[in-house]
Amino acid sequence: MAISINQDPMGIQGRRIVKEKSGIEVFWRPLSNNAS
């Protein structure tokens, strides 16, 4: 599944969407078929 996400045919590079003071960060990438 990690490889499938990397190889998604749309080829859109993901981004960091949250950076908390607690040290937690959240990253998001859009994928084919309305997935992410």
Full PDB file with SEQRES, HELIX, SHEET, SSBOND, CRYST1, ORIGX, SCALE, CONECT and MASTER records, all heavy atoms in Angstrom:
SEQRES   1 A   36  MET ALA ILE SER ILE ASN GLN ASP PRO MET GLY ILE GLN          
SEQRES   2 A   36  GLY ARG ARG ILE VAL LYS GLU LYS SER GLY ILE GLU VAL          
SEQRES   3 A   36  PHE TRP ARG PRO LEU SER ASN ASN ALA SER                      
HELIX    1 AA1 ALA A    2  ASN A    6  1                                   5    
SHEET    1 AA1 2 ARG A  15  LYS A  19  0                                        
SHEET    2 AA1 2 GLU A  25  TRP A  28 -1                                        
CRYST1    1.000    1.000    1.000  90.00  90.00  90.00 P 1           1          
ORIGX1      1.000000  0.000000  0.000000        0.00000                         
ORIGX2      0.000000  1.000000  0.000000        0.00000                         
ORIGX3      0.000000  0.000000  1.000000        0.00000                         
SCALE1      1.000000  0.000000  0.000000        0.00000                         
SCALE2      0.000000  1.000000  0.000000        0.00000                         
SCALE3      0.000000  0.000000  1.000000        0.00000                         
ATOM      1  N   MET A   1       0.818  -1.202   0.000  1.00  0.00           N  
ATOM      2  CA  MET A   1       0.000   0.000   0.000  1.00  0.00           C  
ATOM      3  C   MET A   1       0.857   1.260   0.000  1.00  0.00           C  
ATOM      4  O   MET A   1       0.542   2.233  -0.687  1.00  0.00           O  
ATOM      5  CB  MET A   1      -0.949   0.004   1.204  1.00  0.00           C  
ATOM      6  CG  MET A   1      -1.872   1.217   1.245  1.00  0.00           C  
ATOM      7  SD  MET A   1      -2.793   1.506  -0.296  1.00  0.00           S  
ATOM      8  CE  MET A   1      -4.000   0.193  -0.228  1.00  0.00           C  
ATOM      9  N   ALA A   2       1.969   1.262   0.745  1.00  0.00           N  
ATOM     10  CA  ALA A   2       2.868   2.421   0.711  1.00  0.00           C  
ATOM     11  C   ALA A   2       3.402   2.629  -0.700  1.00  0.00           C  
ATOM     12  O   ALA A   2       3.482   3.761  -1.198  1.00  0.00           O  
ATOM     13  CB  ALA A   2       4.015   2.234   1.701  1.00  0.00           C  
ATOM     14  N   ILE A   3       3.760   1.530  -1.371  1.00  0.00           N  
ATOM     15  CA  ILE A   3       4.252   1.625  -2.744  1.00  0.00           C  
ATOM     16  C   ILE A   3       3.141   2.125  -3.672  1.00  0.00           C  
ATOM     17  O   ILE A   3       3.370   2.975  -4.536  1.00  0.00           O  
ATOM     18  CB  ILE A   3       4.792   0.264  -3.217  1.00  0.00           C  
ATOM     19  CG1 ILE A   3       6.065  -0.087  -2.447  1.00  0.00           C  
ATOM     20  CG2 ILE A   3       5.054   0.268  -4.720  1.00  0.00           C  
ATOM     21  CD1 ILE A   3       6.550  -1.511  -2.668  1.00  0.00           C  
ATOM     22  N   SER A   4       1.922   1.623  -3.476  1.00  0.00           N  
ATOM     23  CA  SER A   4       0.805   2.050  -4.308  1.00  0.00           C  
ATOM     24  C   SER A   4       0.546   3.542  -4.165  1.00  0.00           C  
ATOM     25  O   SER A   4       0.257   4.235  -5.160  1.00  0.00           O  
ATOM     26  CB  SER A   4      -0.448   1.257  -3.933  1.00  0.00           C  
ATOM     27  OG  SER A   4      -1.572   1.719  -4.648  1.00  0.00           O  
ATOM     28  N   ILE A   5       0.650   4.051  -2.959  1.00  0.00           N  
ATOM     29  CA  ILE A   5       0.485   5.493  -2.733  1.00  0.00           C  
ATOM     30  C   ILE A   5       1.588   6.256  -3.451  1.00  0.00           C  
ATOM     31  O   ILE A   5       1.339   7.245  -4.146  1.00  0.00           O  
ATOM     32  CB  ILE A   5       0.474   5.797  -1.225  1.00  0.00           C  
ATOM     33  CG1 ILE A   5      -0.817   5.249  -0.595  1.00  0.00           C  
ATOM     34  CG2 ILE A   5       0.621   7.301  -0.954  1.00  0.00           C  
ATOM     35  CD1 ILE A   5      -0.811   5.225   0.920  1.00  0.00           C  
ATOM     36  N   ASN A   6       2.819   5.802  -3.295  1.00  0.00           N  
ATOM     37  CA  ASN A   6       3.938   6.446  -3.979  1.00  0.00           C  
ATOM     38  C   ASN A   6       3.731   6.461  -5.493  1.00  0.00           C  
ATOM     39  O   ASN A   6       4.053   7.446  -6.164  1.00  0.00           O  
ATOM     40  CB  ASN A   6       5.238   5.720  -3.629  1.00  0.00           C  
ATOM     41  CG  ASN A   6       6.430   6.214  -4.440  1.00  0.00           C  
ATOM     42  OD1 ASN A   6       6.764   5.647  -5.475  1.00  0.00           O  
ATOM     43  ND2 ASN A   6       7.055   7.272  -3.967  1.00  0.00           N  
ATOM     44  N   GLN A   7       3.210   5.363  -6.037  1.00  0.00           N  
ATOM     45  CA  GLN A   7       3.094   5.184  -7.483  1.00  0.00           C  
ATOM     46  C   GLN A   7       1.760   5.670  -8.047  1.00  0.00           C  
ATOM     47  O   GLN A   7       1.451   5.383  -9.209  1.00  0.00           O  
ATOM     48  CB  GLN A   7       3.278   3.704  -7.819  1.00  0.00           C  
ATOM     49  CG  GLN A   7       4.670   3.158  -7.500  1.00  0.00           C  
ATOM     50  CD  GLN A   7       5.721   3.660  -8.466  1.00  0.00           C  
ATOM     51  OE1 GLN A   7       5.680   3.367  -9.658  1.00  0.00           O  
ATOM     52  NE2 GLN A   7       6.663   4.452  -7.961  1.00  0.00           N  
ATOM     53  N   ASP A   8       0.995   6.402  -7.295  1.00  0.00           N  
ATOM     54  CA  ASP A   8      -0.308   6.845  -7.781  1.00  0.00           C  
ATOM     55  C   ASP A   8      -0.170   7.563  -9.122  1.00  0.00           C  
ATOM     56  O   ASP A   8       0.668   8.456  -9.288  1.00  0.00           O  
ATOM     57  CB  ASP A   8      -0.959   7.787  -6.768  1.00  0.00           C  
ATOM     58  CG  ASP A   8      -2.366   8.142  -7.174  1.00  0.00           C  
ATOM     59  OD1 ASP A   8      -3.277   7.324  -6.965  1.00  0.00           O  
ATOM     60  OD2 ASP A   8      -2.560   9.244  -7.747  1.00  0.00           O  
ATOM     61  N   PRO A   9      -0.971   7.182 -10.114  1.00  0.00           N  
ATOM     62  CA  PRO A   9      -0.767   7.696 -11.479  1.00  0.00           C  
ATOM     63  C   PRO A   9      -1.032   9.186 -11.645  1.00  0.00           C  
ATOM     64  O   PRO A   9      -0.535   9.782 -12.609  1.00  0.00           O  
ATOM     65  CB  PRO A   9      -1.738   6.858 -12.325  1.00  0.00           C  
ATOM     66  CG  PRO A   9      -2.738   6.316 -11.359  1.00  0.00           C  
ATOM     67  CD  PRO A   9      -2.013   6.126 -10.069  1.00  0.00           C  
ATOM     68  N   MET A  10      -1.786   9.815 -10.743  1.00  0.00           N  
ATOM     69  CA  MET A  10      -1.964  11.266 -10.870  1.00  0.00           C  
ATOM     70  C   MET A  10      -0.646  11.995 -10.644  1.00  0.00           C  
ATOM     71  O   MET A  10      -0.431  13.087 -11.181  1.00  0.00           O  
ATOM     72  CB  MET A  10      -3.013  11.778  -9.885  1.00  0.00           C  
ATOM     73  CG  MET A  10      -4.422  11.469 -10.273  1.00  0.00           C  
ATOM     74  SD  MET A  10      -5.629  12.625  -9.552  1.00  0.00           S  
ATOM     75  CE  MET A  10      -5.249  12.534  -7.813  1.00  0.00           C  
ATOM     76  N   GLY A  11       0.221  11.433  -9.822  1.00  0.00           N  
ATOM     77  CA  GLY A  11       1.555  11.997  -9.656  1.00  0.00           C  
ATOM     78  C   GLY A  11       1.606  13.331  -8.943  1.00  0.00           C  
ATOM     79  O   GLY A  11       2.529  14.118  -9.164  1.00  0.00           O  
ATOM     80  N   ILE A  12       0.633  13.612  -8.084  1.00  0.00           N  
ATOM     81  CA  ILE A  12       0.616  14.887  -7.363  1.00  0.00           C  
ATOM     82  C   ILE A  12       1.415  14.740  -6.069  1.00  0.00           C  
ATOM     83  O   ILE A  12       1.120  13.871  -5.241  1.00  0.00           O  
ATOM     84  CB  ILE A  12      -0.821  15.342  -7.047  1.00  0.00           C  
ATOM     85  CG1 ILE A  12      -1.612  15.515  -8.347  1.00  0.00           C  
ATOM     86  CG2 ILE A  12      -0.815  16.631  -6.247  1.00  0.00           C  
ATOM     87  CD1 ILE A  12      -3.085  15.799  -8.127  1.00  0.00           C  
ATOM     88  N   GLN A  13       2.406  15.574  -5.892  1.00  0.00           N  
ATOM     89  CA  GLN A  13       3.218  15.537  -4.675  1.00  0.00           C  
ATOM     90  C   GLN A  13       2.404  16.058  -3.492  1.00  0.00           C  
ATOM     91  O   GLN A  13       1.669  17.038  -3.610  1.00  0.00           O  
ATOM     92  CB  GLN A  13       4.471  16.389  -4.864  1.00  0.00           C  
ATOM     93  CG  GLN A  13       5.429  16.357  -3.688  1.00  0.00           C  
ATOM     94  CD  GLN A  13       6.750  17.043  -4.014  1.00  0.00           C  
ATOM     95  OE1 GLN A  13       7.261  16.925  -5.119  1.00  0.00           O  
ATOM     96  NE2 GLN A  13       7.306  17.742  -3.044  1.00  0.00           N  
ATOM     97  N   GLY A  14       2.522  15.388  -2.340  1.00  0.00           N  
ATOM     98  CA  GLY A  14       1.755  15.766  -1.163  1.00  0.00           C  
ATOM     99  C   GLY A  14       2.386  16.906  -0.389  1.00  0.00           C  
ATOM    100  O   GLY A  14       3.480  17.373  -0.687  1.00  0.00           O  
ATOM    101  N   ARG A  15       1.658  17.329   0.652  1.00  0.00           N  
ATOM    102  CA  ARG A  15       2.089  18.489   1.422  1.00  0.00           C  
ATOM    103  C   ARG A  15       1.869  18.278   2.920  1.00  0.00           C  
ATOM    104  O   ARG A  15       1.084  17.422   3.340  1.00  0.00           O  
ATOM    105  CB  ARG A  15       1.355  19.739   0.967  1.00  0.00           C  
ATOM    106  CG  ARG A  15      -0.140  19.722   1.219  1.00  0.00           C  
ATOM    107  CD  ARG A  15      -0.781  21.084   0.917  1.00  0.00           C  
ATOM    108  NE  ARG A  15      -0.488  21.600  -0.404  1.00  0.00           N  
ATOM    109  CZ  ARG A  15       0.233  22.709  -0.614  1.00  0.00           C  
ATOM    110  NH1 ARG A  15       0.740  23.398   0.403  1.00  0.00           N  
ATOM    111  NH2 ARG A  15       0.447  23.136  -1.844  1.00  0.00           N  
ATOM    112  N   ARG A  16       2.558  19.082   3.710  1.00  0.00           N  
ATOM    113  CA  ARG A  16       2.288  19.132   5.154  1.00  0.00           C  
ATOM    114  C   ARG A  16       1.122  20.084   5.378  1.00  0.00           C  
ATOM    115  O   ARG A  16       1.126  21.216   4.896  1.00  0.00           O  
ATOM    116  CB  ARG A  16       3.522  19.628   5.909  1.00  0.00           C  
ATOM    117  CG  ARG A  16       3.336  19.660   7.419  1.00  0.00           C  
ATOM    118  CD  ARG A  16       4.655  19.922   8.140  1.00  0.00           C  
ATOM    119  NE  ARG A  16       5.248  21.191   7.707  1.00  0.00           N  
ATOM    120  CZ  ARG A  16       6.535  21.520   7.909  1.00  0.00           C  
ATOM    121  NH1 ARG A  16       7.347  20.663   8.511  1.00  0.00           N  
ATOM    122  NH2 ARG A  16       7.002  22.676   7.494  1.00  0.00           N  
ATOM    123  N   ILE A  17       0.105  19.628   6.121  1.00  0.00           N  
ATOM    124  CA  ILE A  17      -1.078  20.451   6.341  1.00  0.00           C  
ATOM    125  C   ILE A  17      -1.241  20.877   7.792  1.00  0.00           C  
ATOM    126  O   ILE A  17      -2.030  21.778   8.086  1.00  0.00           O  
ATOM    127  CB  ILE A  17      -2.362  19.738   5.855  1.00  0.00           C  
ATOM    128  CG1 ILE A  17      -2.561  18.398   6.573  1.00  0.00           C  
ATOM    129  CG2 ILE A  17      -2.333  19.553   4.348  1.00  0.00           C  
ATOM    130  CD1 ILE A  17      -3.899  17.723   6.252  1.00  0.00           C  
ATOM    131  N   VAL A  18      -0.522  20.245   8.710  1.00  0.00           N  
ATOM    132  CA  VAL A  18      -0.596  20.601  10.134  1.00  0.00           C  
ATOM    133  C   VAL A  18       0.801  20.502  10.722  1.00  0.00           C  
ATOM    134  O   VAL A  18       1.533  19.544  10.464  1.00  0.00           O  
ATOM    135  CB  VAL A  18      -1.549  19.661  10.910  1.00  0.00           C  
ATOM    136  CG1 VAL A  18      -1.496  19.972  12.407  1.00  0.00           C  
ATOM    137  CG2 VAL A  18      -2.976  19.770  10.394  1.00  0.00           C  
ATOM    138  N   LYS A  19       1.155  21.502  11.532  1.00  0.00           N  
ATOM    139  CA  LYS A  19       2.403  21.469  12.293  1.00  0.00           C  
ATOM    140  C   LYS A  19       2.101  21.970  13.690  1.00  0.00           C  
ATOM    141  O   LYS A  19       1.915  23.169  13.909  1.00  0.00           O  
ATOM    142  CB  LYS A  19       3.478  22.325  11.624  1.00  0.00           C  
ATOM    143  CG  LYS A  19       4.852  22.223  12.277  1.00  0.00           C  
ATOM    144  CD  LYS A  19       5.898  23.025  11.516  1.00  0.00           C  
ATOM    145  CE  LYS A  19       7.275  22.851  12.151  1.00  0.00           C  
ATOM    146  NZ  LYS A  19       8.310  23.647  11.417  1.00  0.00           N  
ATOM    147  N   GLU A  20       2.023  21.036  14.652  1.00  0.00           N  
ATOM    148  CA  GLU A  20       1.622  21.356  16.010  1.00  0.00           C  
ATOM    149  C   GLU A  20       2.845  21.631  16.898  1.00  0.00           C  
ATOM    150  O   GLU A  20       3.916  21.064  16.700  1.00  0.00           O  
ATOM    151  CB  GLU A  20       0.821  20.190  16.621  1.00  0.00           C  
ATOM    152  CG  GLU A  20      -0.405  19.782  15.843  1.00  0.00           C  
ATOM    153  CD  GLU A  20      -1.600  20.678  16.103  1.00  0.00           C  
ATOM    154  OE1 GLU A  20      -1.424  21.766  16.720  1.00  0.00           O  
ATOM    155  OE2 GLU A  20      -2.710  20.304  15.700  1.00  0.00           O  
ATOM    156  N   LYS A  21       2.646  22.485  17.914  1.00  0.00           N  
ATOM    157  CA  LYS A  21       3.703  22.745  18.891  1.00  0.00           C  
ATOM    158  C   LYS A  21       4.063  21.493  19.674  1.00  0.00           C  
ATOM    159  O   LYS A  21       5.160  21.371  20.214  1.00  0.00           O  
ATOM    160  CB  LYS A  21       3.273  23.852  19.844  1.00  0.00           C  
ATOM    161  CG  LYS A  21       3.178  25.226  19.194  1.00  0.00           C  
ATOM    162  CD  LYS A  21       2.769  26.284  20.203  1.00  0.00           C  
ATOM    163  CE  LYS A  21       2.681  27.661  19.532  1.00  0.00           C  
ATOM    164  NZ  LYS A  21       2.252  28.704  20.506  1.00  0.00           N  
ATOM    165  N   SER A  22       3.151  20.555  19.718  1.00  0.00           N  
ATOM    166  CA  SER A  22       3.391  19.301  20.448  1.00  0.00           C  
ATOM    167  C   SER A  22       4.427  18.416  19.763  1.00  0.00           C  
ATOM    168  O   SER A  22       4.901  17.439  20.359  1.00  0.00           O  
ATOM    169  CB  SER A  22       2.082  18.517  20.569  1.00  0.00           C  
ATOM    170  OG  SER A  22       1.602  18.140  19.278  1.00  0.00           O  
ATOM    171  N   GLY A  23       4.780  18.734  18.524  1.00  0.00           N  
ATOM    172  CA  GLY A  23       5.718  17.901  17.774  1.00  0.00           C  
ATOM    173  C   GLY A  23       5.043  16.966  16.799  1.00  0.00           C  
ATOM    174  O   GLY A  23       5.701  16.168  16.130  1.00  0.00           O  
ATOM    175  N   ILE A  24       3.716  17.065  16.701  1.00  0.00           N  
ATOM    176  CA  ILE A  24       2.966  16.260  15.738  1.00  0.00           C  
ATOM    177  C   ILE A  24       2.785  17.050  14.453  1.00  0.00           C  
ATOM    178  O   ILE A  24       2.451  18.237  14.471  1.00  0.00           O  
ATOM    179  CB  ILE A  24       1.591  15.856  16.314  1.00  0.00           C  
ATOM    180  CG1 ILE A  24       1.762  14.974  17.539  1.00  0.00           C  
ATOM    181  CG2 ILE A  24       0.758  15.145  15.245  1.00  0.00           C  
ATOM    182  CD1 ILE A  24       2.408  13.632  17.268  1.00  0.00           C  
ATOM    183  N   GLU A  25       3.012  16.379  13.324  1.00  0.00           N  
ATOM    184  CA  GLU A  25       2.771  16.974  12.021  1.00  0.00           C  
ATOM    185  C   GLU A  25       1.887  16.036  11.217  1.00  0.00           C  
ATOM    186  O   GLU A  25       1.949  14.808  11.384  1.00  0.00           O  
ATOM    187  CB  GLU A  25       4.088  17.231  11.289  1.00  0.00           C  
ATOM    188  CG  GLU A  25       5.003  18.199  12.037  1.00  0.00           C  
ATOM    189  CD  GLU A  25       6.336  18.436  11.356  1.00  0.00           C  
ATOM    190  OE1 GLU A  25       6.518  17.927  10.221  1.00  0.00           O  
ATOM    191  OE2 GLU A  25       7.184  19.112  11.959  1.00  0.00           O  
ATOM    192  N   VAL A  26       1.072  16.616  10.340  1.00  0.00           N  
ATOM    193  CA  VAL A  26       0.172  15.828   9.497  1.00  0.00           C  
ATOM    194  C   VAL A  26       0.454  16.173   8.040  1.00  0.00           C  
ATOM    195  O   VAL A  26       0.564  17.350   7.673  1.00  0.00           O  
ATOM    196  CB  VAL A  26      -1.308  16.094   9.827  1.00  0.00           C  
ATOM    197  CG1 VAL A  26      -2.207  15.175   8.993  1.00  0.00           C  
ATOM    198  CG2 VAL A  26      -1.577  15.896  11.317  1.00  0.00           C  
ATOM    199  N   PHE A  27       0.558  15.126   7.221  1.00  0.00           N  
ATOM    200  CA  PHE A  27       0.847  15.269   5.799  1.00  0.00           C  
ATOM    201  C   PHE A  27      -0.291  14.632   5.012  1.00  0.00           C  
ATOM    202  O   PHE A  27      -0.883  13.636   5.439  1.00  0.00           O  
ATOM    203  CB  PHE A  27       2.168  14.589   5.458  1.00  0.00           C  
ATOM    204  CG  PHE A  27       3.343  15.107   6.247  1.00  0.00           C  
ATOM    205  CD1 PHE A  27       3.592  14.630   7.532  1.00  0.00           C  
ATOM    206  CD2 PHE A  27       4.181  16.074   5.723  1.00  0.00           C  
ATOM    207  CE1 PHE A  27       4.671  15.109   8.273  1.00  0.00           C  
ATOM    208  CE2 PHE A  27       5.258  16.557   6.450  1.00  0.00           C  
ATOM    209  CZ  PHE A  27       5.504  16.077   7.737  1.00  0.00           C  
ATOM    210  N   TRP A  28      -0.541  15.190   3.845  1.00  0.00           N  
ATOM    211  CA  TRP A  28      -1.680  14.740   3.025  1.00  0.00           C  
ATOM    212  C   TRP A  28      -1.272  14.697   1.568  1.00  0.00           C  
ATOM    213  O   TRP A  28      -0.518  15.552   1.080  1.00  0.00           O  
ATOM    214  CB  TRP A  28      -2.840  15.713   3.218  1.00  0.00           C  
ATOM    215  CG  TRP A  28      -3.981  15.543   2.253  1.00  0.00           C  
ATOM    216  CD1 TRP A  28      -5.013  14.662   2.347  1.00  0.00           C  
ATOM    217  CD2 TRP A  28      -4.212  16.307   1.066  1.00  0.00           C  
ATOM    218  NE1 TRP A  28      -5.876  14.819   1.276  1.00  0.00           N  
ATOM    219  CE2 TRP A  28      -5.400  15.831   0.487  1.00  0.00           C  
ATOM    220  CE3 TRP A  28      -3.527  17.350   0.429  1.00  0.00           C  
ATOM    221  CZ2 TRP A  28      -5.936  16.348  -0.689  1.00  0.00           C  
ATOM    222  CZ3 TRP A  28      -4.046  17.868  -0.749  1.00  0.00           C  
ATOM    223  CH2 TRP A  28      -5.240  17.364  -1.291  1.00  0.00           C  
ATOM    224  N   ARG A  29      -1.764  13.668   0.866  1.00  0.00           N  
ATOM    225  CA  ARG A  29      -1.540  13.579  -0.575  1.00  0.00           C  
ATOM    226  C   ARG A  29      -2.817  13.139  -1.264  1.00  0.00           C  
ATOM    227  O   ARG A  29      -3.418  12.121  -0.877  1.00  0.00           O  
ATOM    228  CB  ARG A  29      -0.418  12.584  -0.887  1.00  0.00           C  
ATOM    229  CG  ARG A  29      -0.119  12.505  -2.381  1.00  0.00           C  
ATOM    230  CD  ARG A  29       0.985  11.533  -2.736  1.00  0.00           C  
ATOM    231  NE  ARG A  29       1.068  11.417  -4.188  1.00  0.00           N  
ATOM    232  CZ  ARG A  29       1.808  10.538  -4.833  1.00  0.00           C  
ATOM    233  NH1 ARG A  29       2.562   9.670  -4.158  1.00  0.00           N  
ATOM    234  NH2 ARG A  29       1.804  10.498  -6.149  1.00  0.00           N  
ATOM    235  N   PRO A  30      -3.256  13.853  -2.300  1.00  0.00           N  
ATOM    236  CA  PRO A  30      -4.427  13.418  -3.065  1.00  0.00           C  
ATOM    237  C   PRO A  30      -4.053  12.266  -3.990  1.00  0.00           C  
ATOM    238  O   PRO A  30      -2.970  12.256  -4.591  1.00  0.00           O  
ATOM    239  CB  PRO A  30      -4.815  14.663  -3.861  1.00  0.00           C  
ATOM    240  CG  PRO A  30      -3.518  15.391  -4.060  1.00  0.00           C  
ATOM    241  CD  PRO A  30      -2.698  15.115  -2.832  1.00  0.00           C  
ATOM    242  N   LEU A  31      -4.970  11.312  -4.126  1.00  0.00           N  
ATOM    243  CA  LEU A  31      -4.726  10.124  -4.931  1.00  0.00           C  
ATOM    244  C   LEU A  31      -5.874   9.908  -5.920  1.00  0.00           C  
ATOM    245  O   LEU A  31      -6.915  10.565  -5.834  1.00  0.00           O  
ATOM    246  CB  LEU A  31      -4.578   8.893  -4.029  1.00  0.00           C  
ATOM    247  CG  LEU A  31      -3.509   8.967  -2.940  1.00  0.00           C  
ATOM    248  CD1 LEU A  31      -3.627   7.772  -1.998  1.00  0.00           C  
ATOM    249  CD2 LEU A  31      -2.110   9.049  -3.551  1.00  0.00           C  
ATOM    250  N   SER A  32      -5.684   8.977  -6.803  1.00  0.00           N  
ATOM    251  CA  SER A  32      -6.714   8.646  -7.787  1.00  0.00           C  
ATOM    252  C   SER A  32      -7.974   8.116  -7.100  1.00  0.00           C  
ATOM    253  O   SER A  32      -7.940   7.653  -5.954  1.00  0.00           O  
ATOM    254  CB  SER A  32      -6.186   7.594  -8.753  1.00  0.00           C  
ATOM    255  OG  SER A  32      -5.005   8.030  -9.390  1.00  0.00           O  
ATOM    256  N   ASN A  33      -9.089   8.176  -7.811  1.00  0.00           N  
ATOM    257  CA  ASN A  33     -10.373   7.603  -7.368  1.00  0.00           C  
ATOM    258  C   ASN A  33     -10.880   8.237  -6.080  1.00  0.00           C  
ATOM    259  O   ASN A  33     -11.445   7.566  -5.208  1.00  0.00           O  
ATOM    260  CB  ASN A  33     -10.245   6.080  -7.182  1.00  0.00           C  
ATOM    261  CG  ASN A  33      -9.841   5.387  -8.461  1.00  0.00           C  
ATOM    262  OD1 ASN A  33     -10.384   5.685  -9.532  1.00  0.00           O  
ATOM    263  ND2 ASN A  33      -8.882   4.481  -8.370  1.00  0.00           N  
ATOM    264  N   ASN A  34     -10.671   9.560  -5.950  1.00  0.00           N  
ATOM    265  CA  ASN A  34     -11.137  10.308  -4.783  1.00  0.00           C  
ATOM    266  C   ASN A  34     -10.528   9.830  -3.470  1.00  0.00           C  
ATOM    267  O   ASN A  34     -11.086  10.083  -2.399  1.00  0.00           O  
ATOM    268  CB  ASN A  34     -12.676  10.253  -4.667  1.00  0.00           C  
ATOM    269  CG  ASN A  34     -13.354  11.136  -5.701  1.00  0.00           C  
ATOM    270  OD1 ASN A  34     -12.856  12.214  -6.014  1.00  0.00           O  
ATOM    271  ND2 ASN A  34     -14.464  10.662  -6.236  1.00  0.00           N  
ATOM    272  N   ALA A  35      -9.440   9.121  -3.543  1.00  0.00           N  
ATOM    273  CA  ALA A  35      -8.749   8.667  -2.337  1.00  0.00           C  
ATOM    274  C   ALA A  35      -7.670   9.675  -1.950  1.00  0.00           C  
ATOM    275  O   ALA A  35      -7.391  10.634  -2.669  1.00  0.00           O  
ATOM    276  CB  ALA A  35      -8.145   7.288  -2.558  1.00  0.00           C  
ATOM    277  N   SER A  36      -7.078   9.438  -0.789  1.00  0.00           N  
ATOM    278  CA  SER A  36      -5.990  10.294  -0.322  1.00  0.00           C  
ATOM    279  C   SER A  36      -5.163   9.503   0.675  1.00  0.00           C  
ATOM    280  O   SER A  36      -5.554   8.423   1.129  1.00  0.00           O  
ATOM    281  CB  SER A  36      -6.537  11.571   0.326  1.00  0.00           C  
ATOM    282  OG  SER A  36      -7.394  11.252   1.415  1.00  0.00           O  
TER     283      SER A  36                                                      
MASTER        0    0    0    1    2    0    0    6  282    1    0    3          
END                                                                             
